[in-house]
Amino acid sequence: MDVQTLKERIAAVESKRNYLLQLLEQPNLGNLRIDVNQALEELDDLIDEYRRTFPQTGL
């Protein structure tokens, strides 16, 4: 996989993270709030790991 494709995929993951943040603001989530929080934590971990592994890509 080339660097540009990797950047595009990480950008897609980050955009999904923003969607989850918007979803978290909804007052009627109930128990789903736990799942949304977990998904955010996992995405953050994934993005952090990517940045530690490939610091030269500039994301």
PDB file of N, CA and C in Angstrom:
ATOM      1  N   MET A   1       0.848  -1.165   0.000  1.00  0.00           N
ATOM      2  CA  MET A   1       0.000   0.000   0.000  1.00  0.00           C
ATOM      3  C   MET A   1       0.899   1.235   0.000  1.00  0.00           C
ATOM      4  N   ASP A   2       0.586   2.194  -0.844  1.00  0.00           N
ATOM      5  CA  ASP A   2       1.422   3.394  -0.903  1.00  0.00           C
ATOM      6  C   ASP A   2       1.000   4.402   0.171  1.00  0.00           C
ATOM      7  N   VAL A   3       1.839   5.392   0.360  1.00  0.00           N
ATOM      8  CA  VAL A   3       1.631   6.373   1.427  1.00  0.00           C
ATOM      9  C   VAL A   3       0.341   7.158   1.216  1.00  0.00           C
ATOM     10  N   GLN A   4       0.040   7.529  -0.011  1.00  0.00           N
ATOM     11  CA  GLN A   4      -1.164   8.309  -0.286  1.00  0.00           C
ATOM     12  C   GLN A   4      -2.427   7.524   0.076  1.00  0.00           C
ATOM     13  N   THR A   5      -2.464   6.252  -0.265  1.00  0.00           N
ATOM     14  CA  THR A   5      -3.619   5.419   0.074  1.00  0.00           C
ATOM     15  C   THR A   5      -3.772   5.307   1.578  1.00  0.00           C
ATOM     16  N   LEU A   6      -2.667   5.135   2.268  1.00  0.00           N
ATOM     17  CA  LEU A   6      -2.694   5.047   3.723  1.00  0.00           C
ATOM     18  C   LEU A   6      -3.220   6.340   4.328  1.00  0.00           C
ATOM     19  N   LYS A   7      -2.755   7.484   3.821  1.00  0.00           N
ATOM     20  CA  LYS A   7      -3.250   8.780   4.308  1.00  0.00           C
ATOM     21  C   LYS A   7      -4.753   8.909   4.097  1.00  0.00           C
ATOM     22  N   GLU A   8      -5.221   8.481   2.926  1.00  0.00           N
ATOM     23  CA  GLU A   8      -6.650   8.579   2.617  1.00  0.00           C
ATOM     24  C   GLU A   8      -7.477   7.709   3.560  1.00  0.00           C
ATOM     25  N   ARG A   9      -6.982   6.532   3.861  1.00  0.00           N
ATOM     26  CA  ARG A   9      -7.718   5.635   4.759  1.00  0.00           C
ATOM     27  C   ARG A   9      -7.750   6.164   6.185  1.00  0.00           C
ATOM     28  N   ILE A  10      -6.652   6.740   6.637  1.00  0.00           N
ATOM     29  CA  ILE A  10      -6.632   7.325   7.976  1.00  0.00           C
ATOM     30  C   ILE A  10      -7.551   8.537   8.028  1.00  0.00           C
ATOM     31  N   ALA A  11      -7.574   9.326   6.962  1.00  0.00           N
ATOM     32  CA  ALA A  11      -8.481  10.470   6.899  1.00  0.00           C
ATOM     33  C   ALA A  11      -9.939  10.003   6.976  1.00  0.00           C
ATOM     34  N   ALA A  12     -10.246   8.886   6.342  1.00  0.00           N
ATOM     35  CA  ALA A  12     -11.603   8.334   6.410  1.00  0.00           C
ATOM     36  C   ALA A  12     -11.940   7.904   7.836  1.00  0.00           C
ATOM     37  N   VAL A  13     -10.987   7.300   8.514  1.00  0.00           N
ATOM     38  CA  VAL A  13     -11.191   6.892   9.908  1.00  0.00           C
ATOM     39  C   VAL A  13     -11.425   8.126  10.777  1.00  0.00           C
ATOM     40  N   GLU A  14     -10.632   9.167  10.556  1.00  0.00           N
ATOM     41  CA  GLU A  14     -10.797  10.385  11.344  1.00  0.00           C
ATOM     42  C   GLU A  14     -12.152  11.039  11.092  1.00  0.00           C
ATOM     43  N   SER A  15     -12.662  10.976   9.865  1.00  0.00           N
ATOM     44  CA  SER A  15     -13.977  11.558   9.589  1.00  0.00           C
ATOM     45  C   SER A  15     -15.073  10.764  10.300  1.00  0.00           C
ATOM     46  N   LYS A  16     -14.904   9.470  10.401  1.00  0.00           N
ATOM     47  CA  LYS A  16     -15.868   8.656  11.145  1.00  0.00           C
ATOM     48  C   LYS A  16     -15.812   8.992  12.635  1.00  0.00           C
ATOM     49  N   ARG A  17     -14.626   9.342  13.120  1.00  0.00           N
ATOM     50  CA  ARG A  17     -14.486   9.755  14.502  1.00  0.00           C
ATOM     51  C   ARG A  17     -15.320  11.011  14.753  1.00  0.00           C
ATOM     52  N   ASN A  18     -15.263  11.958  13.820  1.00  0.00           N
ATOM     53  CA  ASN A  18     -16.062  13.174  13.970  1.00  0.00           C
ATOM     54  C   ASN A  18     -17.551  12.860  13.993  1.00  0.00           C
ATOM     55  N   TYR A  19     -17.977  11.901  13.203  1.00  0.00           N
ATOM     56  CA  TYR A  19     -19.374  11.491  13.216  1.00  0.00           C
ATOM     57  C   TYR A  19     -19.755  10.933  14.595  1.00  0.00           C
ATOM     58  N   LEU A  20     -18.865  10.125  15.164  1.00  0.00           N
ATOM     59  CA  LEU A  20     -19.139   9.571  16.492  1.00  0.00           C
ATOM     60  C   LEU A  20     -19.207  10.670  17.547  1.00  0.00           C
ATOM     61  N   LEU A  21     -18.376  11.687  17.419  1.00  0.00           N
ATOM     62  CA  LEU A  21     -18.447  12.811  18.352  1.00  0.00           C
ATOM     63  C   LEU A  21     -19.797  13.523  18.258  1.00  0.00           C
ATOM     64  N   GLN A  22     -20.283  13.700  17.045  1.00  0.00           N
ATOM     65  CA  GLN A  22     -21.602  14.314  16.858  1.00  0.00           C
ATOM     66  C   GLN A  22     -22.693  13.433  17.442  1.00  0.00           C
ATOM     67  N   LEU A  23     -22.555  12.143  17.239  1.00  0.00           N
ATOM     68  CA  LEU A  23     -23.540  11.203  17.772  1.00  0.00           C
ATOM     69  C   LEU A  23     -23.560  11.239  19.292  1.00  0.00           C
ATOM     70  N   LEU A  24     -22.413  11.389  19.889  1.00  0.00           N
ATOM     71  CA  LEU A  24     -22.297  11.419  21.336  1.00  0.00           C
ATOM     72  C   LEU A  24     -23.038  12.615  21.936  1.00  0.00           C
ATOM     73  N   GLU A  25     -23.210  13.667  21.167  1.00  0.00           N
ATOM     74  CA  GLU A  25     -23.908  14.856  21.636  1.00  0.00           C
ATOM     75  C   GLU A  25     -25.422  14.669  21.681  1.00  0.00           C
ATOM     76  N   GLN A  26     -25.926  13.602  21.094  1.00  0.00           N
ATOM     77  CA  GLN A  26     -27.364  13.355  21.077  1.00  0.00           C
ATOM     78  C   GLN A  26     -27.843  12.974  22.474  1.00  0.00           C
ATOM     79  N   PRO A  27     -28.898  13.604  22.951  1.00  0.00           N
ATOM     80  CA  PRO A  27     -29.360  13.350  24.317  1.00  0.00           C
ATOM     81  C   PRO A  27     -30.087  12.015  24.507  1.00  0.00           C
ATOM     82  N   ASN A  28     -30.502  11.381  23.434  1.00  0.00           N
ATOM     83  CA  ASN A  28     -31.333  10.175  23.546  1.00  0.00           C
ATOM     84  C   ASN A  28     -30.576   8.881  23.247  1.00  0.00           C
ATOM     85  N   LEU A  29     -29.287   8.839  23.500  1.00  0.00           N
ATOM     86  CA  LEU A  29     -28.497   7.642  23.192  1.00  0.00           C
ATOM     87  C   LEU A  29     -28.737   6.504  24.178  1.00  0.00           C
ATOM     88  N   GLY A  30     -28.987   6.833  25.394  1.00  0.00           N
ATOM     89  CA  GLY A  30     -29.186   5.791  26.400  1.00  0.00           C
ATOM     90  C   GLY A  30     -27.939   4.945  26.563  1.00  0.00           C
ATOM     91  N   ASN A  31     -28.138   3.629  26.551  1.00  0.00           N
ATOM     92  CA  ASN A  31     -27.017   2.704  26.740  1.00  0.00           C
ATOM     93  C   ASN A  31     -26.033   2.691  25.578  1.00  0.00           C
ATOM     94  N   LEU A  32     -26.442   3.186  24.417  1.00  0.00           N
ATOM     95  CA  LEU A  32     -25.530   3.238  23.271  1.00  0.00           C
ATOM     96  C   LEU A  32     -24.368   4.200  23.516  1.00  0.00           C
ATOM     97  N   ARG A  33     -24.544   5.103  24.458  1.00  0.00           N
ATOM     98  CA  ARG A  33     -23.473   6.048  24.785  1.00  0.00           C
ATOM     99  C   ARG A  33     -22.186   5.301  25.164  1.00  0.00           C
ATOM    100  N   ILE A  34     -22.330   4.186  25.858  1.00  0.00           N
ATOM    101  CA  ILE A  34     -21.166   3.368  26.246  1.00  0.00           C
ATOM    102  C   ILE A  34     -20.455   2.846  25.004  1.00  0.00           C
ATOM    103  N   ASP A  35     -21.218   2.346  24.047  1.00  0.00           N
ATOM    104  CA  ASP A  35     -20.628   1.813  22.810  1.00  0.00           C
ATOM    105  C   ASP A  35     -19.953   2.905  21.988  1.00  0.00           C
ATOM    106  N   VAL A  36     -20.573   4.075  21.929  1.00  0.00           N
ATOM    107  CA  VAL A  36     -19.995   5.180  21.176  1.00  0.00           C
ATOM    108  C   VAL A  36     -18.687   5.620  21.832  1.00  0.00           C
ATOM    109  N   ASN A  37     -18.675   5.710  23.145  1.00  0.00           N
ATOM    110  CA  ASN A  37     -17.446   6.058  23.859  1.00  0.00           C
ATOM    111  C   ASN A  37     -16.345   5.034  23.588  1.00  0.00           C
ATOM    112  N   GLN A  38     -16.704   3.758  23.608  1.00  0.00           N
ATOM    113  CA  GLN A  38     -15.727   2.696  23.348  1.00  0.00           C
ATOM    114  C   GLN A  38     -15.177   2.800  21.933  1.00  0.00           C
ATOM    115  N   ALA A  39     -16.056   3.062  20.978  1.00  0.00           N
ATOM    116  CA  ALA A  39     -15.614   3.206  19.591  1.00  0.00           C
ATOM    117  C   ALA A  39     -14.666   4.394  19.442  1.00  0.00           C
ATOM    118  N   LEU A  40     -14.965   5.494  20.119  1.00  0.00           N
ATOM    119  CA  LEU A  40     -14.081   6.658  20.077  1.00  0.00           C
ATOM    120  C   LEU A  40     -12.709   6.338  20.660  1.00  0.00           C
ATOM    121  N   GLU A  41     -12.690   5.643  21.771  1.00  0.00           N
ATOM    122  CA  GLU A  41     -11.425   5.266  22.388  1.00  0.00           C
ATOM    123  C   GLU A  41     -10.599   4.381  21.455  1.00  0.00           C
ATOM    124  N   GLU A  42     -11.249   3.430  20.814  1.00  0.00           N
ATOM    125  CA  GLU A  42     -10.539   2.529  19.914  1.00  0.00           C
ATOM    126  C   GLU A  42     -10.022   3.254  18.669  1.00  0.00           C
ATOM    127  N   LEU A  43     -10.824   4.168  18.134  1.00  0.00           N
ATOM    128  CA  LEU A  43     -10.362   4.950  16.985  1.00  0.00           C
ATOM    129  C   LEU A  43      -9.181   5.837  17.369  1.00  0.00           C
ATOM    130  N   ASP A  44      -9.257   6.446  18.543  1.00  0.00           N
ATOM    131  CA  ASP A  44      -8.142   7.276  19.010  1.00  0.00           C
ATOM    132  C   ASP A  44      -6.870   6.446  19.162  1.00  0.00           C
ATOM    133  N   ASP A  45      -7.013   5.251  19.708  1.00  0.00           N
ATOM    134  CA  ASP A  45      -5.856   4.361  19.843  1.00  0.00           C
ATOM    135  C   ASP A  45      -5.278   4.002  18.477  1.00  0.00           C
ATOM    136  N   LEU A  46      -6.147   3.705  17.534  1.00  0.00           N
ATOM    137  CA  LEU A  46      -5.708   3.361  16.185  1.00  0.00           C
ATOM    138  C   LEU A  46      -4.967   4.518  15.525  1.00  0.00           C
ATOM    139  N   ILE A  47      -5.515   5.710  15.643  1.00  0.00           N
ATOM    140  CA  ILE A  47      -4.893   6.885  15.041  1.00  0.00           C
ATOM    141  C   ILE A  47      -3.554   7.181  15.714  1.00  0.00           C
ATOM    142  N   ASP A  48      -3.515   7.076  17.033  1.00  0.00           N
ATOM    143  CA  ASP A  48      -2.257   7.301  17.758  1.00  0.00           C
ATOM    144  C   ASP A  48      -1.193   6.285  17.352  1.00  0.00           C
ATOM    145  N   GLU A  49      -1.590   5.042  17.235  1.00  0.00           N
ATOM    146  CA  GLU A  49      -0.636   4.006  16.834  1.00  0.00           C
ATOM    147  C   GLU A  49      -0.118   4.256  15.422  1.00  0.00           C
ATOM    148  N   TYR A  50      -1.007   4.664  14.534  1.00  0.00           N
ATOM    149  CA  TYR A  50      -0.594   4.990  13.171  1.00  0.00           C
ATOM    150  C   TYR A  50       0.444   6.111  13.181  1.00  0.00           C
ATOM    151  N   ARG A  51       0.161   7.158  13.937  1.00  0.00           N
ATOM    152  CA  ARG A  51       1.073   8.303  13.979  1.00  0.00           C
ATOM    153  C   ARG A  51       2.422   7.946  14.595  1.00  0.00           C
ATOM    154  N   ARG A  52       2.420   7.041  15.566  1.00  0.00           N
ATOM    155  CA  ARG A  52       3.695   6.603  16.154  1.00  0.00           C
ATOM    156  C   ARG A  52       4.471   5.722  15.176  1.00  0.00           C
ATOM    157  N   THR A  53       3.752   4.915  14.416  1.00  0.00           N
ATOM    158  CA  THR A  53       4.391   3.986  13.486  1.00  0.00           C
ATOM    159  C   THR A  53       4.886   4.686  12.224  1.00  0.00           C
ATOM    160  N   PHE A  54       4.103   5.652  11.740  1.00  0.00           N
ATOM    161  CA  PHE A  54       4.430   6.348  10.493  1.00  0.00           C
ATOM    162  C   PHE A  54       4.473   7.854  10.720  1.00  0.00           C
ATOM    163  N   PRO A  55       5.407   8.334  11.506  1.00  0.00           N
ATOM    164  CA  PRO A  55       5.435   9.782  11.788  1.00  0.00           C
ATOM    165  C   PRO A  55       5.780  10.636  10.559  1.00  0.00           C
ATOM    166  N   GLN A  56       6.414  10.059   9.588  1.00  0.00           N
ATOM    167  CA  GLN A  56       6.845  10.821   8.416  1.00  0.00           C
ATOM    168  C   GLN A  56       5.720  11.129   7.440  1.00  0.00           C
ATOM    169  N   THR A  57       4.527  10.541   7.612  1.00  0.00           N
ATOM    170  CA  THR A  57       3.461  10.765   6.647  1.00  0.00           C
ATOM    171  C   THR A  57       2.764  12.103   6.832  1.00  0.00           C
ATOM    172  N   GLY A  58       2.980  12.749   7.961  1.00  0.00           N
ATOM    173  CA  GLY A  58       2.466  14.098   8.144  1.00  0.00           C
ATOM    174  C   GLY A  58       1.011  14.188   8.536  1.00  0.00           C
ATOM    175  N   LEU A  59       0.404  13.104   8.971  1.00  0.00           N
ATOM    176  CA  LEU A  59      -0.987  13.193   9.403  1.00  0.00           C
ATOM    177  C   LEU A  59      -1.078  13.488  10.866  1.00  0.00           C
TER     178      LEU A  59
END
